[in-house]
């Protein structure tokens, strides 16, 4: 089994600054989304992923994130099993993003 691709906060910052940024896919639940999010992200809760899979483009670079990076790893693994090859999980999730990239993004328990 191949390893699940990940990107660091620093790598994501670089990719977002480029001309064609990846799709940022937030797989947390709506109540978490209300607390904080990375600007420009799309919400698709992990609990709805299998029903809404057709909304995603397997050919598009996609970075998946959650709170700490556990759910996003599972989502990337699922997407890879469905033929998505340009997906990766944000290491440390939005919590790491808040600490390392954007301190104005609230942290939560």
Protein backbone atom coordinates (compact mmCIF):
# COMPACT_ATOMS: atom_id res chain seq x y z
CA UNK A 1 0.00 0.00 0.00
CA UNK A 2 1.37 3.39 -0.93
CA UNK A 3 1.87 6.08 1.72
CA UNK A 4 -0.77 8.79 2.08
CA UNK A 5 0.57 12.07 0.67
CA UNK A 6 0.84 15.01 3.05
CA UNK A 7 1.87 18.64 2.80
CA UNK A 8 3.23 20.87 5.54
CA UNK A 9 1.78 24.24 6.44
CA UNK A 10 4.78 25.88 4.76
CA UNK A 11 4.27 23.87 1.55
CA UNK A 12 0.59 24.83 1.49
CA UNK A 13 1.45 28.51 1.93
CA UNK A 14 3.76 28.30 -1.09
CA UNK A 15 1.18 26.49 -3.20
CA UNK A 16 -1.56 28.99 -2.32
CA UNK A 17 0.70 31.85 -3.39
CA UNK A 18 1.17 30.35 -6.85
CA UNK A 19 -0.98 31.15 -9.86
CA UNK A 20 -3.18 28.04 -9.83
CA UNK A 21 -3.79 27.19 -6.17
CA UNK A 22 -5.12 23.77 -5.20
CA UNK A 23 -8.66 23.16 -4.03
CA UNK A 24 -8.68 23.41 -0.23
CA UNK A 25 -11.17 20.87 1.05
CA UNK A 26 -12.29 21.20 4.67
CA UNK A 27 -13.73 17.88 5.86
CA UNK A 28 -14.73 19.04 9.35
CA UNK A 29 -18.35 19.38 10.44
CA UNK A 30 -20.37 22.61 9.96
CA UNK A 31 -20.11 23.57 13.65
CA UNK A 32 -16.29 23.44 13.40
CA UNK A 33 -16.42 25.42 10.13
CA UNK A 34 -18.32 28.18 11.96
CA UNK A 35 -15.45 28.57 14.46
CA UNK A 36 -12.69 28.98 11.87
CA UNK A 37 -11.58 28.08 8.37
CA UNK A 38 -8.76 28.70 5.94
CA UNK A 39 -9.77 31.45 3.54
CA UNK A 40 -10.93 30.09 0.19
CA UNK A 41 -11.65 26.57 1.46
CA UNK A 42 -14.69 24.53 0.48
CA UNK A 43 -16.63 22.63 3.16
CA UNK A 44 -17.42 18.99 2.46
CA UNK A 45 -17.85 17.16 5.79
CA UNK A 46 -16.30 13.71 5.94
CA UNK A 47 -19.74 12.38 6.94
CA UNK A 48 -21.12 13.49 3.53
CA UNK A 49 -18.14 12.56 1.35
CA UNK A 50 -19.42 9.33 -0.19
CA UNK A 51 -22.76 10.95 -1.17
CA UNK A 52 -21.08 14.08 -2.61
CA UNK A 53 -18.03 12.52 -4.27
CA UNK A 54 -19.26 13.59 -7.71
CA UNK A 55 -18.74 17.26 -6.72
CA UNK A 56 -14.96 16.75 -6.72
CA UNK A 57 -12.67 16.73 -9.75
CA UNK A 58 -10.15 13.85 -9.58
CA UNK A 59 -7.84 15.77 -11.94
CA UNK A 60 -7.59 18.85 -9.70
CA UNK A 61 -4.86 19.34 -7.10
CA UNK A 62 -6.67 19.03 -3.79
CA UNK A 63 -5.42 19.60 -0.25
CA UNK A 64 -7.67 18.11 2.41
CA UNK A 65 -7.69 19.38 5.98
CA UNK A 66 -9.51 18.84 9.27
CA UNK A 67 -8.80 19.88 12.87
CA UNK A 68 -5.54 17.99 13.56
CA UNK A 69 -5.01 15.92 10.42
CA UNK A 70 -6.53 12.54 11.34
CA UNK A 71 -9.80 12.74 9.40
CA UNK A 72 -8.07 14.31 6.41
CA UNK A 73 -5.68 11.35 6.18
CA UNK A 74 -8.67 9.00 6.07
CA UNK A 75 -10.38 11.15 3.43
CA UNK A 76 -7.24 11.24 1.24
CA UNK A 77 -6.94 7.46 1.54
CA UNK A 78 -10.61 7.12 0.51
CA UNK A 79 -10.19 9.51 -2.44
CA UNK A 80 -7.07 7.67 -3.62
CA UNK A 81 -9.04 4.41 -3.55
CA UNK A 82 -11.56 6.10 -5.88
CA UNK A 83 -8.94 7.14 -8.43
CA UNK A 84 -7.92 10.56 -7.15
CA UNK A 85 -4.17 10.92 -7.63
CA UNK A 86 -3.61 14.63 -6.95
CA UNK A 87 -4.68 14.74 -3.29
CA UNK A 88 -2.79 15.30 -0.04
CA UNK A 89 -3.57 15.88 3.62
CA UNK A 90 -2.48 19.01 5.50
CA UNK A 91 -0.19 17.80 8.30
CA UNK A 92 -1.49 19.03 11.64
CA UNK A 93 -4.73 20.35 10.16
CA UNK A 94 -6.16 23.79 10.76
CA UNK A 95 -4.67 23.79 14.25
CA UNK A 96 -1.15 23.75 12.77
CA UNK A 97 -2.22 26.36 10.21
CA UNK A 98 -3.31 28.66 13.04
CA UNK A 99 -0.04 28.20 14.95
CA UNK A 100 2.39 28.36 12.02
CA UNK A 101 0.75 30.43 9.29
CA UNK A 102 -2.23 32.49 10.36
CA UNK A 103 -2.49 33.26 14.11
CA UNK A 104 -5.75 35.18 13.52
CA UNK A 105 -7.46 31.83 12.81
CA UNK A 106 -9.01 30.81 16.16
CA UNK A 107 -7.91 27.57 17.79
CA UNK A 108 -10.40 25.32 19.53
CA UNK A 109 -10.40 22.20 21.70
